[in-house]
Amino acid sequence: MRGRGTTARDETDLPQGVVYADVEAASERLAGRAHRTPVLTSRTVDERSGARVFFKCESFQRTGSFKFRGAYNALSLLPEGQRERGVVTYSSGNHAGAVALAGRLLGVPATIVMPEDAPRVKLDATRGYGAEVVTYDRSVERREDVGGAMARERGLALVPPYDHPDVVAGQGTAAKELFEEVGELDLLLVCCGGGGLLSGSAISAHALSPGCRVVGVEPENADDATRSFRTGRLHRIENPDTIADGVRTPSLGEVTFPLVLRHVDDMVTVSEDGILRSMRLIWERMKIVVEPTGALAAAALLEGVVRAEPGSRVGVIVSGGNVDLGAAGALLS
């Protein structure tokens, strides 16, 4: 099945993977550790869209993005012996900082593989949380290869940014909180890189607001998940060229691809200019700092790619706010 409502394969062929009970368990582990982030509204956005729009602002989460949820949940479930040996992951920034902080809180040594050209604010933050940072040149190396080699050589547990059931369950707690606070929604928009946040959010939507349509949003320049969703076959794009550095993932994963096919209703893409226009509007009208990836889901609504029914209730996950202010100023100018 290619999302709810469009048939490509029988749903019974798809592995169940993560279920809502896993999200509930993750929520209990995160209680008192993760922030319960605010839900904000904007009359300007409501007027432009004709809907009542609720922004779940994960830019206010610890480490500045939703990634802390999945990282903490995954590390908290490690066996004691593995906790002592430590973990390794690869990330362009947000998952890096999340694993670094989760490791510090749980006493787990963390090694992070990051691209040399990762935003300076994310490199500095990751080191600031006490993790060892190993950089690589993404034009000639694959981060999965670098991280996998380090895991084998050092005996570290590999905690990938999205393709892990405990990570997905943790990410699903953001949407869980949104539904608990505002009630049922007609539409939920979620950015998509590797699909961890999208699939986790869709699982929560099915449990808490069964009539809600869940739509994943990608940049036009990084539309591997949209292609995969439409065809039912996994597509890859190596090192996609997009300002939304948080979704520069090559493809959906073995865990997330079946979950997206099972639980997501549609996938759409937005232009680079559309991402920037939406980012500017959120900064100027809502007075909150978001990174390009954080504005991605909102861009689908603000650019008219997804049209809300008049008077409908729409949720938007604002995924993060880790942006270099100098670079953001140059982009927005």
C-alpha atoms as a PDB file:
ATOM      1  CA  MET A   1       0.000   0.000   0.000  1.00  0.00           C
ATOM      2  CA  ARG A   2       1.345   3.421  -0.983  1.00  0.00           C
ATOM      3  CA  GLY A   3      -0.071   5.442   1.879  1.00  0.00           C
ATOM      4  CA  ARG A   4      -3.674   5.262   3.031  1.00  0.00           C
ATOM      5  CA  GLY A   5      -5.972   5.507   0.041  1.00  0.00           C
ATOM      6  CA  THR A   6      -3.577   4.731  -2.855  1.00  0.00           C
ATOM      7  CA  THR A   7      -2.880   1.102  -3.604  1.00  0.00           C
ATOM      8  CA  ALA A   8       0.509  -0.205  -4.700  1.00  0.00           C
ATOM      9  CA  ARG A   9       0.834  -3.334  -2.584  1.00  0.00           C
ATOM     10  CA  ASP A  10      -1.220  -5.214  -0.012  1.00  0.00           C
ATOM     11  CA  GLU A  11      -0.834  -3.701   3.469  1.00  0.00           C
ATOM     12  CA  THR A  12      -0.421  -7.172   4.924  1.00  0.00           C
ATOM     13  CA  ASP A  13       2.921  -7.335   3.105  1.00  0.00           C
ATOM     14  CA  LEU A  14       4.311  -4.511   5.236  1.00  0.00           C
ATOM     15  CA  PRO A  15       6.042  -5.239   8.555  1.00  0.00           C
ATOM     16  CA  GLN A  16       4.244  -3.651  11.503  1.00  0.00           C
ATOM     17  CA  GLY A  17       7.405  -2.162  13.027  1.00  0.00           C
ATOM     18  CA  VAL A  18       6.665   0.542  15.597  1.00  0.00           C
ATOM     19  CA  VAL A  19       3.184   0.775  17.150  1.00  0.00           C
ATOM     20  CA  TYR A  20       1.533   3.428  19.303  1.00  0.00           C
ATOM     21  CA  ALA A  21       2.265   1.506  22.500  1.00  0.00           C
ATOM     22  CA  ASP A  22       5.964   2.104  21.768  1.00  0.00           C
ATOM     23  CA  VAL A  23       5.295   5.848  21.509  1.00  0.00           C
ATOM     24  CA  GLU A  24       3.451   5.789  24.827  1.00  0.00           C
ATOM     25  CA  ALA A  25       6.349   3.966  26.500  1.00  0.00           C
ATOM     26  CA  ALA A  26       8.816   6.469  25.040  1.00  0.00           C
ATOM     27  CA  SER A  27       6.685   9.312  26.401  1.00  0.00           C
ATOM     28  CA  GLU A  28       7.010   7.872  29.902  1.00  0.00           C
ATOM     29  CA  ARG A  29      10.810   7.614  29.588  1.00  0.00           C
ATOM     30  CA  LEU A  30      11.012  11.203  28.346  1.00  0.00           C
ATOM     31  CA  ALA A  31       8.865  12.624  31.135  1.00  0.00           C
ATOM     32  CA  GLY A  32      10.945  15.145  33.062  1.00  0.00           C
ATOM     33  CA  ARG A  33      13.796  14.866  30.545  1.00  0.00           C
ATOM     34  CA  ALA A  34      12.365  16.308  27.323  1.00  0.00           C
ATOM     35  CA  HIS A  35      10.574  19.651  27.255  1.00  0.00           C
ATOM     36  CA  ARG A  36       6.864  19.642  26.550  1.00  0.00           C
ATOM     37  CA  THR A  37       7.247  22.197  23.763  1.00  0.00           C
ATOM     38  CA  PRO A  38       4.734  24.997  23.164  1.00  0.00           C
ATOM     39  CA  VAL A  39       1.970  25.040  20.568  1.00  0.00           C
ATOM     40  CA  LEU A  40       1.713  28.475  18.925  1.00  0.00           C
ATOM     41  CA  THR A  41      -0.797  30.049  16.565  1.00  0.00           C
ATOM     42  CA  SER A  42      -0.704  32.959  14.125  1.00  0.00           C
ATOM     43  CA  ARG A  43      -3.661  35.032  12.948  1.00  0.00           C
ATOM     44  CA  THR A  44      -1.674  35.907   9.829  1.00  0.00           C
ATOM     45  CA  VAL A  45      -1.238  32.235   8.943  1.00  0.00           C
ATOM     46  CA  ASP A  46      -4.871  31.473   9.740  1.00  0.00           C
ATOM     47  CA  GLU A  47      -6.027  34.287   7.450  1.00  0.00           C
ATOM     48  CA  ARG A  48      -3.748  33.203   4.617  1.00  0.00           C
ATOM     49  CA  SER A  49      -4.694  29.552   4.832  1.00  0.00           C
ATOM     50  CA  GLY A  50      -8.367  29.850   5.791  1.00  0.00           C
ATOM     51  CA  ALA A  51      -7.751  27.261   8.506  1.00  0.00           C
ATOM     52  CA  ARG A  52      -6.969  27.149  12.204  1.00  0.00           C
ATOM     53  CA  VAL A  53      -3.275  26.259  12.311  1.00  0.00           C
ATOM     54  CA  PHE A  54      -1.386  24.916  15.322  1.00  0.00           C
ATOM     55  CA  PHE A  55       2.426  24.971  15.275  1.00  0.00           C
ATOM     56  CA  LYS A  56       4.137  22.390  17.504  1.00  0.00           C
ATOM     57  CA  CYS A  57       7.408  24.203  18.132  1.00  0.00           C
ATOM     58  CA  GLU A  58      10.180  21.662  18.556  1.00  0.00           C
ATOM     59  CA  SER A  59      12.618  24.530  18.084  1.00  0.00           C
ATOM     60  CA  PHE A  60      12.124  24.949  21.860  1.00  0.00           C
ATOM     61  CA  GLN A  61      13.102  21.348  22.575  1.00  0.00           C
ATOM     62  CA  ARG A  62      16.376  20.503  24.319  1.00  0.00           C
ATOM     63  CA  THR A  63      19.246  20.831  21.809  1.00  0.00           C
ATOM     64  CA  GLY A  64      16.897  22.902  19.630  1.00  0.00           C
ATOM     65  CA  SER A  65      15.077  20.145  17.745  1.00  0.00           C
ATOM     66  CA  PHE A  66      12.771  17.134  18.034  1.00  0.00           C
ATOM     67  CA  LYS A  67      15.797  14.848  17.720  1.00  0.00           C
ATOM     68  CA  PHE A  68      16.373  14.769  21.482  1.00  0.00           C
ATOM     69  CA  ARG A  69      13.218  12.689  21.883  1.00  0.00           C
ATOM     70  CA  GLY A  70      14.374   9.771  19.749  1.00  0.00           C
ATOM     71  CA  ALA A  71      17.993   9.916  20.867  1.00  0.00           C
ATOM     72  CA  TYR A  72      17.168   9.821  24.573  1.00  0.00           C
ATOM     73  CA  ASN A  73      14.628   7.039  24.121  1.00  0.00           C
ATOM     74  CA  ALA A  74      17.102   4.890  22.161  1.00  0.00           C
ATOM     75  CA  LEU A  75      20.046   5.422  24.534  1.00  0.00           C
ATOM     76  CA  SER A  76      17.912   4.791  27.612  1.00  0.00           C
ATOM     77  CA  LEU A  77      17.102   1.302  26.292  1.00  0.00           C
ATOM     78  CA  LEU A  78      20.726   0.222  25.795  1.00  0.00           C
ATOM     79  CA  PRO A  79      21.977  -2.703  27.921  1.00  0.00           C
ATOM     80  CA  GLU A  80      24.244  -1.638  30.784  1.00  0.00           C
ATOM     81  CA  GLY A  81      27.401  -3.102  29.240  1.00  0.00           C
ATOM     82  CA  GLN A  82      26.799  -1.256  25.978  1.00  0.00           C
ATOM     83  CA  ARG A  83      26.196   1.975  27.843  1.00  0.00           C
ATOM     84  CA  GLU A  84      29.691   1.705  29.263  1.00  0.00           C
ATOM     85  CA  ARG A  85      31.258   1.095  25.829  1.00  0.00           C
ATOM     86  CA  GLY A  86      29.322   3.932  24.230  1.00  0.00           C
ATOM     87  CA  VAL A  87      27.546   4.797  21.011  1.00  0.00           C
ATOM     88  CA  VAL A  88      28.321   6.243  17.609  1.00  0.00           C
ATOM     89  CA  THR A  89      26.059   8.046  15.190  1.00  0.00           C
ATOM     90  CA  TYR A  90      26.248  10.154  12.045  1.00  0.00           C
ATOM     91  CA  SER A  91      24.373  13.395  11.554  1.00  0.00           C
ATOM     92  CA  SER A  92      24.483  16.782   9.862  1.00  0.00           C
ATOM     93  CA  GLY A  93      23.768  18.333  13.210  1.00  0.00           C
ATOM     94  CA  ASN A  94      20.475  17.980  15.083  1.00  0.00           C
ATOM     95  CA  HIS A  95      20.694  14.257  15.826  1.00  0.00           C
ATOM     96  CA  ALA A  96      24.359  14.798  16.645  1.00  0.00           C
ATOM     97  CA  GLY A  97      23.584  17.259  19.408  1.00  0.00           C
ATOM     98  CA  ALA A  98      20.698  15.129  20.625  1.00  0.00           C
ATOM     99  CA  VAL A  99      22.806  11.991  21.014  1.00  0.00           C
ATOM    100  CA  ALA A 100      25.586  14.018  22.630  1.00  0.00           C
ATOM    101  CA  LEU A 101      23.252  15.467  25.276  1.00  0.00           C
ATOM    102  CA  ALA A 102      21.397  12.189  25.842  1.00  0.00           C
ATOM    103  CA  GLY A 103      24.755  10.489  26.307  1.00  0.00           C
ATOM    104  CA  ARG A 104      25.830  13.065  28.858  1.00  0.00           C
ATOM    105  CA  LEU A 105      22.572  12.720  30.815  1.00  0.00           C
ATOM    106  CA  LEU A 106      22.711   8.916  30.779  1.00  0.00           C
ATOM    107  CA  GLY A 107      26.468   8.530  31.234  1.00  0.00           C
ATOM    108  CA  VAL A 108      26.975   7.026  27.763  1.00  0.00           C
ATOM    109  CA  PRO A 109      30.119   8.065  25.823  1.00  0.00           C
ATOM    110  CA  ALA A 110      29.100   9.417  22.407  1.00  0.00           C
ATOM    111  CA  THR A 111      31.076   9.655  19.167  1.00  0.00           C
ATOM    112  CA  ILE A 112      29.491  11.698  16.374  1.00  0.00           C
ATOM    113  CA  VAL A 113      30.387  11.528  12.678  1.00  0.00           C
ATOM    114  CA  MET A 114      29.579  14.893  11.073  1.00  0.00           C
ATOM    115  CA  PRO A 115      30.243  16.396   7.634  1.00  0.00           C
ATOM    116  CA  GLU A 116      33.016  18.953   7.462  1.00  0.00           C
ATOM    117  CA  ASP A 117      30.555  21.524   6.118  1.00  0.00           C
ATOM    118  CA  ALA A 118      27.930  21.052   8.847  1.00  0.00           C
ATOM    119  CA  PRO A 119      26.637  24.354  10.254  1.00  0.00           C
ATOM    120  CA  ARG A 120      29.181  25.719  12.720  1.00  0.00           C
ATOM    121  CA  VAL A 121      26.495  26.231  15.372  1.00  0.00           C
ATOM    122  CA  LYS A 122      25.705  22.502  15.261  1.00  0.00           C
ATOM    123  CA  LEU A 123      29.362  21.406  15.349  1.00  0.00           C
ATOM    124  CA  ASP A 124      30.065  23.667  18.323  1.00  0.00           C
ATOM    125  CA  ALA A 125      26.934  22.580  20.187  1.00  0.00           C
ATOM    126  CA  THR A 126      27.743  18.890  19.739  1.00  0.00           C
ATOM    127  CA  ARG A 127      31.254  19.332  21.087  1.00  0.00           C
ATOM    128  CA  GLY A 128      29.844  21.476  23.881  1.00  0.00           C
ATOM    129  CA  TYR A 129      27.718  18.551  25.089  1.00  0.00           C
ATOM    130  CA  GLY A 130      30.897  16.537  25.552  1.00  0.00           C
ATOM    131  CA  ALA A 131      30.813  14.252  22.522  1.00  0.00           C
ATOM    132  CA  GLU A 132      33.782  13.303  20.362  1.00  0.00           C
ATOM    133  CA  VAL A 133      33.221  14.725  16.867  1.00  0.00           C
ATOM    134  CA  VAL A 134      34.780  13.000  13.844  1.00  0.00           C
ATOM    135  CA  THR A 135      34.371  14.908  10.566  1.00  0.00           C
ATOM    136  CA  TYR A 136      34.283  13.510   7.040  1.00  0.00           C
ATOM    137  CA  ASP A 137      34.159  14.825   3.460  1.00  0.00           C
ATOM    138  CA  ARG A 138      30.708  13.960   2.161  1.00  0.00           C
ATOM    139  CA  SER A 139      31.793  14.507  -1.440  1.00  0.00           C
ATOM    140  CA  VAL A 140      33.947  11.369  -1.262  1.00  0.00           C
ATOM    141  CA  GLU A 141      32.690   9.417   1.780  1.00  0.00           C
ATOM    142  CA  ARG A 142      29.363   8.023   2.942  1.00  0.00           C
ATOM    143  CA  ARG A 143      28.550   8.769   6.550  1.00  0.00           C
ATOM    144  CA  GLU A 144      26.991   5.329   6.960  1.00  0.00           C
ATOM    145  CA  ASP A 145      30.311   3.747   5.990  1.00  0.00           C
ATOM    146  CA  VAL A 146      32.318   5.938   8.365  1.00  0.00           C
ATOM    147  CA  GLY A 147      29.942   5.358  11.282  1.00  0.00           C
ATOM    148  CA  GLY A 148      29.657   1.620  10.646  1.00  0.00           C
ATOM    149  CA  ALA A 149      33.444   1.222  10.553  1.00  0.00           C
ATOM    150  CA  MET A 150      33.828   3.052  13.872  1.00  0.00           C
ATOM    151  CA  ALA A 151      31.115   0.930  15.476  1.00  0.00           C
ATOM    152  CA  ARG A 152      32.931  -2.268  14.471  1.00  0.00           C
ATOM    153  CA  GLU A 153      36.411  -1.045  15.416  1.00  0.00           C
ATOM    154  CA  ARG A 154      35.465   0.346  18.840  1.00  0.00           C
ATOM    155  CA  GLY A 155      32.584  -1.938  19.818  1.00  0.00           C
ATOM    156  CA  LEU A 156      30.133   0.961  19.843  1.00  0.00           C
ATOM    157  CA  ALA A 157      26.371   0.739  19.418  1.00  0.00           C
ATOM    158  CA  LEU A 158      25.241   2.473  16.232  1.00  0.00           C
ATOM    159  CA  VAL A 159      22.244   4.753  16.842  1.00  0.00           C
ATOM    160  CA  PRO A 160      21.258   6.085  13.407  1.00  0.00           C
ATOM    161  CA  PRO A 161      19.380   9.376  13.002  1.00  0.00           C
ATOM    162  CA  TYR A 162      16.074   7.840  11.947  1.00  0.00           C
ATOM    163  CA  ASP A 163      16.215   4.186  10.924  1.00  0.00           C
ATOM    164  CA  HIS A 164      15.771   2.675  14.378  1.00  0.00           C
ATOM    165  CA  PRO A 165      12.495   1.665  16.053  1.00  0.00           C
ATOM    166  CA  ASP A 166      13.353   3.282  19.389  1.00  0.00           C
ATOM    167  CA  VAL A 167      14.240   6.534  17.609  1.00  0.00           C
ATOM    168  CA  VAL A 168      10.949   6.495  15.676  1.00  0.00           C
ATOM    169  CA  ALA A 169       8.966   5.853  18.860  1.00  0.00           C
ATOM    170  CA  GLY A 170      10.642   8.779  20.581  1.00  0.00           C
ATOM    171  CA  GLN A 171       9.967  11.141  17.668  1.00  0.00           C
ATOM    172  CA  GLY A 172       6.302  10.184  17.725  1.00  0.00           C
ATOM    173  CA  THR A 173       5.925  11.797  21.146  1.00  0.00           C
ATOM    174  CA  ALA A 174       5.974  15.300  19.591  1.00  0.00           C
ATOM    175  CA  ALA A 175       2.742  14.691  17.671  1.00  0.00           C
ATOM    176  CA  LYS A 176       1.324  12.827  20.684  1.00  0.00           C
ATOM    177  CA  GLU A 177       1.718  15.980  22.758  1.00  0.00           C
ATOM    178  CA  LEU A 178       0.194  18.109  20.001  1.00  0.00           C
ATOM    179  CA  PHE A 179      -2.982  16.009  19.833  1.00  0.00           C
ATOM    180  CA  GLU A 180      -3.217  15.854  23.609  1.00  0.00           C
ATOM    181  CA  GLU A 181      -3.091  19.662  23.783  1.00  0.00           C
ATOM    182  CA  VAL A 182      -5.295  20.748  20.858  1.00  0.00           C
ATOM    183  CA  GLY A 183      -7.472  17.701  20.201  1.00  0.00           C
ATOM    184  CA  GLU A 184      -8.241  16.087  16.865  1.00  0.00           C
ATOM    185  CA  LEU A 185      -6.962  17.619  13.628  1.00  0.00           C
ATOM    186  CA  ASP A 186      -8.028  17.392  10.015  1.00  0.00           C
ATOM    187  CA  LEU A 187      -4.496  17.644   8.616  1.00  0.00           C
ATOM    188  CA  LEU A 188      -0.973  17.197   9.993  1.00  0.00           C
ATOM    189  CA  LEU A 189       2.067  18.454   8.046  1.00  0.00           C
ATOM    190  CA  VAL A 190       5.479  17.024   8.906  1.00  0.00           C
ATOM    191  CA  CYS A 191       8.895  17.497   7.290  1.00  0.00           C
ATOM    192  CA  CYS A 192      10.602  14.383   5.989  1.00  0.00           C
ATOM    193  CA  GLY A 193      14.256  13.456   5.739  1.00  0.00           C
ATOM    194  CA  GLY A 194      14.781   9.841   6.723  1.00  0.00           C
ATOM    195  CA  GLY A 195      11.191   9.512   7.899  1.00  0.00           C
ATOM    196  CA  GLY A 196      11.639   9.092  11.652  1.00  0.00           C
ATOM    197  CA  LEU A 197       9.597  12.139  12.663  1.00  0.00           C
ATOM    198  CA  LEU A 198       7.073  11.600   9.868  1.00  0.00           C
ATOM    199  CA  SER A 199       6.399   7.945  10.611  1.00  0.00           C
ATOM    200  CA  GLY A 200       6.316   8.487  14.380  1.00  0.00           C
ATOM    201  CA  SER A 201       3.926  11.416  13.965  1.00  0.00           C
ATOM    202  CA  ALA A 202       1.666   9.396  11.677  1.00  0.00           C
ATOM    203  CA  ILE A 203       1.505   6.555  14.204  1.00  0.00           C
ATOM    204  CA  SER A 204       0.378   9.028  16.875  1.00  0.00           C
ATOM    205  CA  ALA A 205      -2.146  10.588  14.482  1.00  0.00           C
ATOM    206  CA  HIS A 206      -3.751   7.221  13.751  1.00  0.00           C
ATOM    207  CA  ALA A 207      -4.146   6.514  17.454  1.00  0.00           C
ATOM    208  CA  LEU A 208      -5.306   9.929  18.636  1.00  0.00           C
ATOM    209  CA  SER A 209      -7.005  11.504  15.609  1.00  0.00           C
ATOM    210  CA  PRO A 210      -8.002   8.715  13.195  1.00  0.00           C
ATOM    211  CA  GLY A 211      -9.590  11.075  10.662  1.00  0.00           C
ATOM    212  CA  CYS A 212      -6.458  13.225  10.347  1.00  0.00           C
ATOM    213  CA  ARG A 213      -4.632  13.245   6.994  1.00  0.00           C
ATOM    214  CA  VAL A 214      -0.856  13.076   7.462  1.00  0.00           C
ATOM    215  CA  VAL A 215       1.266  14.659   4.730  1.00  0.00           C
ATOM    216  CA  GLY A 216       5.056  14.533   4.567  1.00  0.00           C
ATOM    217  CA  VAL A 217       6.950  17.480   3.081  1.00  0.00           C
ATOM    218  CA  GLU A 218      10.328  17.435   1.308  1.00  0.00           C
ATOM    219  CA  PRO A 219      12.393  19.962  -0.658  1.00  0.00           C
ATOM    220  CA  GLU A 220      12.049  19.619  -4.432  1.00  0.00           C
ATOM    221  CA  ASN A 221      15.812  19.062  -4.564  1.00  0.00           C
ATOM    222  CA  ALA A 222      15.642  16.169  -2.087  1.00  0.00           C
ATOM    223  CA  ASP A 223      12.498  14.286  -3.080  1.00  0.00           C
ATOM    224  CA  ASP A 224      13.653  10.698  -2.583  1.00  0.00           C
ATOM    225  CA  ALA A 225      10.903   9.900  -0.069  1.00  0.00           C
ATOM    226  CA  THR A 226       8.223  11.360  -2.341  1.00  0.00           C
ATOM    227  CA  ARG A 227       9.451   9.221  -5.218  1.00  0.00           C
ATOM    228  CA  SER A 228       9.557   6.189  -2.949  1.00  0.00           C
ATOM    229  CA  PHE A 229       6.044   6.857  -1.677  1.00  0.00           C
ATOM    230  CA  ARG A 230       4.633   7.271  -5.192  1.00  0.00           C
ATOM    231  CA  THR A 231       6.259   4.155  -6.640  1.00  0.00           C
ATOM    232  CA  GLY A 232       6.375   1.823  -3.634  1.00  0.00           C
ATOM    233  CA  ARG A 233      10.101   1.308  -4.366  1.00  0.00           C
ATOM    234  CA  LEU A 234      12.943   2.846  -2.381  1.00  0.00           C
ATOM    235  CA  HIS A 235      14.699   5.731  -4.170  1.00  0.00           C
ATOM    236  CA  ARG A 236      18.030   7.321  -3.163  1.00  0.00           C
ATOM    237  CA  ILE A 237      19.563  10.755  -3.701  1.00  0.00           C
ATOM    238  CA  GLU A 238      23.127  11.095  -2.487  1.00  0.00           C
ATOM    239  CA  ASN A 239      24.036  14.481  -0.975  1.00  0.00           C
ATOM    240  CA  PRO A 240      20.955  16.402  -2.170  1.00  0.00           C
ATOM    241  CA  ASP A 241      21.496  20.114  -2.761  1.00  0.00           C
ATOM    242  CA  THR A 242      19.088  21.899  -0.425  1.00  0.00           C
ATOM    243  CA  ILE A 243      19.284  24.635   2.192  1.00  0.00           C
ATOM    244  CA  ALA A 244      17.282  22.343   4.474  1.00  0.00           C
ATOM    245  CA  ASP A 245      20.367  20.558   5.797  1.00  0.00           C
ATOM    246  CA  GLY A 246      18.321  18.528   8.288  1.00  0.00           C
ATOM    247  CA  VAL A 247      16.751  16.500   5.462  1.00  0.00           C
ATOM    248  CA  ARG A 248      19.859  15.799   3.386  1.00  0.00           C
ATOM    249  CA  THR A 249      19.326  12.098   3.915  1.00  0.00           C
ATOM    250  CA  PRO A 250      19.880   9.733   0.981  1.00  0.00           C
ATOM    251  CA  SER A 251      16.665   7.756   1.443  1.00  0.00           C
ATOM    252  CA  LEU A 252      14.050   6.425   3.801  1.00  0.00           C
ATOM    253  CA  GLY A 253      15.271   3.475   5.871  1.00  0.00           C
ATOM    254  CA  GLU A 254      14.391  -0.162   6.341  1.00  0.00           C
ATOM    255  CA  VAL A 255      12.386   0.732   9.447  1.00  0.00           C
ATOM    256  CA  THR A 256      10.825   3.988   8.254  1.00  0.00           C
ATOM    257  CA  PHE A 257       9.953   3.132   4.631  1.00  0.00           C
ATOM    258  CA  PRO A 258       7.280   0.535   5.521  1.00  0.00           C
ATOM    259  CA  LEU A 259       5.904   2.820   8.235  1.00  0.00           C
ATOM    260  CA  VAL A 260       5.567   5.711   5.785  1.00  0.00           C
ATOM    261  CA  LEU A 261       3.831   3.474   3.252  1.00  0.00           C
ATOM    262  CA  ARG A 262       1.460   2.184   5.920  1.00  0.00           C
ATOM    263  CA  HIS A 263       0.568   5.356   7.812  1.00  0.00           C
ATOM    264  CA  VAL A 264       1.167   8.449   5.635  1.00  0.00           C
ATOM    265  CA  ASP A 265      -1.547   9.778   3.309  1.00  0.00           C
ATOM    266  CA  ASP A 266       0.526  11.843   0.896  1.00  0.00           C
ATOM    267  CA  MET A 267       3.944  13.330   0.187  1.00  0.00           C
ATOM    268  CA  VAL A 268       4.600  16.743  -1.387  1.00  0.00           C
ATOM    269  CA  THR A 269       7.609  18.904  -2.222  1.00  0.00           C
ATOM    270  CA  VAL A 270       8.347  22.620  -1.905  1.00  0.00           C
ATOM    271  CA  SER A 271      10.894  24.839  -3.633  1.00  0.00           C
ATOM    272  CA  GLU A 272      14.004  26.310  -2.052  1.00  0.00           C
ATOM    273  CA  ASP A 273      12.528  29.802  -2.474  1.00  0.00           C
ATOM    274  CA  GLY A 274       9.323  28.609  -0.829  1.00  0.00           C
ATOM    275  CA  ILE A 275      11.255  27.335   2.170  1.00  0.00           C
ATOM    276  CA  LEU A 276      12.976  30.712   2.529  1.00  0.00           C
ATOM    277  CA  ARG A 277       9.732  32.692   2.202  1.00  0.00           C
ATOM    278  CA  SER A 278       8.116  30.551   4.878  1.00  0.00           C
ATOM    279  CA  MET A 279      11.140  30.802   7.130  1.00  0.00           C
ATOM    280  CA  ARG A 280      11.037  34.596   6.814  1.00  0.00           C
ATOM    281  CA  LEU A 281       7.318  34.743   7.621  1.00  0.00           C
ATOM    282  CA  ILE A 282       7.742  32.589  10.729  1.00  0.00           C
ATOM    283  CA  TRP A 283      10.650  34.710  11.949  1.00  0.00           C
ATOM    284  CA  GLU A 284       8.903  38.022  11.253  1.00  0.00           C
ATOM    285  CA  ARG A 285       5.286  37.290  12.197  1.00  0.00           C
ATOM    286  CA  MET A 286       5.594  34.588  14.862  1.00  0.00           C
ATOM    287  CA  LYS A 287       8.868  35.916  16.316  1.00  0.00           C
ATOM    288  CA  ILE A 288      10.462  32.474  16.611  1.00  0.00           C
ATOM    289  CA  VAL A 289      13.794  31.311  15.210  1.00  0.00           C
ATOM    290  CA  VAL A 290      13.493  28.332  12.876  1.00  0.00           C
ATOM    291  CA  GLU A 291      16.017  26.700  10.601  1.00  0.00           C
ATOM    292  CA  PRO A 292      15.158  25.982   6.947  1.00  0.00           C
ATOM    293  CA  THR A 293      14.168  22.407   7.781  1.00  0.00           C
ATOM    294  CA  GLY A 294      11.990  23.719  10.597  1.00  0.00           C
ATOM    295  CA  ALA A 295      10.016  25.808   8.091  1.00  0.00           C
ATOM    296  CA  LEU A 296       9.614  22.950   5.623  1.00  0.00           C
ATOM    297  CA  ALA A 297       6.240  21.615   6.781  1.00  0.00           C
ATOM    298  CA  ALA A 298       4.801  25.122   7.086  1.00  0.00           C
ATOM    299  CA  ALA A 299       5.963  25.915   3.561  1.00  0.00           C
ATOM    300  CA  ALA A 300       3.611  23.320   2.096  1.00  0.00           C
ATOM    301  CA  LEU A 301       0.676  25.249   3.568  1.00  0.00           C
ATOM    302  CA  LEU A 302       1.986  28.794   3.126  1.00  0.00           C
ATOM    303  CA  GLU A 303       2.999  28.191  -0.509  1.00  0.00           C
ATOM    304  CA  GLY A 304      -0.334  26.605  -1.379  1.00  0.00           C
ATOM    305  CA  VAL A 305       1.160  23.208  -2.211  1.00  0.00           C
ATOM    306  CA  VAL A 306      -1.294  21.693   0.279  1.00  0.00           C
ATOM    307  CA  ARG A 307      -4.609  23.510   0.538  1.00  0.00           C
ATOM    308  CA  ALA A 308      -6.543  23.250   3.776  1.00  0.00           C
ATOM    309  CA  GLU A 309     -10.317  23.076   3.733  1.00  0.00           C
ATOM    310  CA  PRO A 310     -11.897  26.345   4.958  1.00  0.00           C
ATOM    311  CA  GLY A 311     -12.276  26.252   8.717  1.00  0.00           C
ATOM    312  CA  SER A 312     -10.313  23.023   9.085  1.00  0.00           C
ATOM    313  CA  ARG A 313      -7.847  22.349  11.896  1.00  0.00           C
ATOM    314  CA  VAL A 314      -4.239  21.911  10.785  1.00  0.00           C
ATOM    315  CA  GLY A 315      -1.159  20.845  12.741  1.00  0.00           C
ATOM    316  CA  VAL A 316       2.365  21.781  11.648  1.00  0.00           C
ATOM    317  CA  ILE A 317       5.463  20.286  13.239  1.00  0.00           C
ATOM    318  CA  VAL A 318       8.226  22.910  13.443  1.00  0.00           C
ATOM    319  CA  SER A 319      11.129  20.502  13.646  1.00  0.00           C
ATOM    320  CA  GLY A 320      13.972  22.703  14.874  1.00  0.00           C
ATOM    321  CA  GLY A 321      15.645  26.064  15.266  1.00  0.00           C
ATOM    322  CA  ASN A 322      19.364  25.365  15.057  1.00  0.00           C
ATOM    323  CA  VAL A 323      20.510  27.915  12.543  1.00  0.00           C
ATOM    324  CA  ASP A 324      23.661  30.001  12.235  1.00  0.00           C
ATOM    325  CA  LEU A 325      22.313  33.534  12.539  1.00  0.00           C
ATOM    326  CA  GLY A 326      24.915  34.937  10.170  1.00  0.00           C
ATOM    327  CA  ALA A 327      24.111  32.363   7.528  1.00  0.00           C
ATOM    328  CA  ALA A 328      20.382  32.844   8.079  1.00  0.00           C
ATOM    329  CA  GLY A 329      20.733  36.592   7.611  1.00  0.00           C
ATOM    330  CA  ALA A 330      22.495  36.042   4.316  1.00  0.00           C
ATOM    331  CA  LEU A 331      19.805  33.607   3.165  1.00  0.00           C
ATOM    332  CA  LEU A 332      16.914  35.857   4.147  1.00  0.00           C
ATOM    333  CA  SER A 333      18.465  38.922   2.544  1.00  0.00           C
END
